[in-house]
């Protein structure tokens, strides 16, 4: 779970450095992964 937050912060760093295409893609990917991980957790409970 920690790696998702690491990916999120990395993408935000890239966005801050004006690397919009790569940073934005990473950001969207990590958000999707975070949502999927939360749904998976809910199903397991």
C-alpha atoms as a PDB file:
ATOM      1  CA  UNK A   1       0.000   0.000   0.000  1.00  0.00           C
ATOM      2  CA  UNK A   2       2.913   2.356   0.729  1.00  0.00           C
ATOM      3  CA  UNK A   3       4.189   2.147  -2.859  1.00  0.00           C
ATOM      4  CA  UNK A   4       0.933   3.688  -4.117  1.00  0.00           C
ATOM      5  CA  UNK A   5       1.547   6.780  -1.986  1.00  0.00           C
ATOM      6  CA  UNK A   6       5.169   6.854  -3.154  1.00  0.00           C
ATOM      7  CA  UNK A   7       3.944   6.789  -6.757  1.00  0.00           C
ATOM      8  CA  UNK A   8       1.445   9.572  -6.023  1.00  0.00           C
ATOM      9  CA  UNK A   9       4.084  11.835  -4.492  1.00  0.00           C
ATOM     10  CA  UNK A  10       6.495  11.097  -7.340  1.00  0.00           C
ATOM     11  CA  UNK A  11       3.860  12.055  -9.917  1.00  0.00           C
ATOM     12  CA  UNK A  12       3.066  15.268  -8.032  1.00  0.00           C
ATOM     13  CA  UNK A  13       6.792  16.090  -8.041  1.00  0.00           C
ATOM     14  CA  UNK A  14       6.926  15.559 -11.808  1.00  0.00           C
ATOM     15  CA  UNK A  15       3.845  17.761 -12.252  1.00  0.00           C
ATOM     16  CA  UNK A  16       5.561  20.476 -10.222  1.00  0.00           C
ATOM     17  CA  UNK A  17       8.508  20.314 -12.610  1.00  0.00           C
ATOM     18  CA  UNK A  18       6.158  20.971 -15.593  1.00  0.00           C
ATOM     19  CA  UNK A  19       6.468  17.410 -16.886  1.00  0.00           C
ATOM     20  CA  UNK A  20       2.706  17.320 -17.467  1.00  0.00           C
ATOM     21  CA  UNK A  21       2.355  14.392 -19.843  1.00  0.00           C
ATOM     22  CA  UNK A  22       4.377  11.907 -17.783  1.00  0.00           C
ATOM     23  CA  UNK A  23       3.408  13.283 -14.372  1.00  0.00           C
ATOM     24  CA  UNK A  24      -0.263  13.434 -15.289  1.00  0.00           C
ATOM     25  CA  UNK A  25      -0.281   9.881 -16.620  1.00  0.00           C
ATOM     26  CA  UNK A  26       1.445   8.609 -13.466  1.00  0.00           C
ATOM     27  CA  UNK A  27      -0.978  10.563 -11.282  1.00  0.00           C
ATOM     28  CA  UNK A  28      -4.058   9.131 -13.018  1.00  0.00           C
ATOM     29  CA  UNK A  29      -2.582   5.619 -12.859  1.00  0.00           C
ATOM     30  CA  UNK A  30      -1.833   5.847  -9.138  1.00  0.00           C
ATOM     31  CA  UNK A  31      -5.294   7.250  -8.367  1.00  0.00           C
ATOM     32  CA  UNK A  32      -6.885   4.342 -10.261  1.00  0.00           C
ATOM     33  CA  UNK A  33      -4.672   1.869  -8.369  1.00  0.00           C
ATOM     34  CA  UNK A  34      -5.617   3.484  -5.063  1.00  0.00           C
ATOM     35  CA  UNK A  35      -9.348   3.178  -5.852  1.00  0.00           C
ATOM     36  CA  UNK A  36      -8.934  -0.446  -6.958  1.00  0.00           C
ATOM     37  CA  UNK A  37      -6.971  -1.295  -3.804  1.00  0.00           C
ATOM     38  CA  UNK A  38      -9.693   0.228  -1.609  1.00  0.00           C
ATOM     39  CA  UNK A  39     -12.435  -1.699  -3.414  1.00  0.00           C
ATOM     40  CA  UNK A  40     -10.429  -4.904  -3.032  1.00  0.00           C
ATOM     41  CA  UNK A  41     -10.088  -4.252   0.712  1.00  0.00           C
ATOM     42  CA  UNK A  42     -13.839  -3.739   1.065  1.00  0.00           C
ATOM     43  CA  UNK A  43     -14.570  -7.019  -0.725  1.00  0.00           C
ATOM     44  CA  UNK A  44     -12.216  -8.939   1.569  1.00  0.00           C
ATOM     45  CA  UNK A  45     -13.918  -7.667   4.733  1.00  0.00           C
END
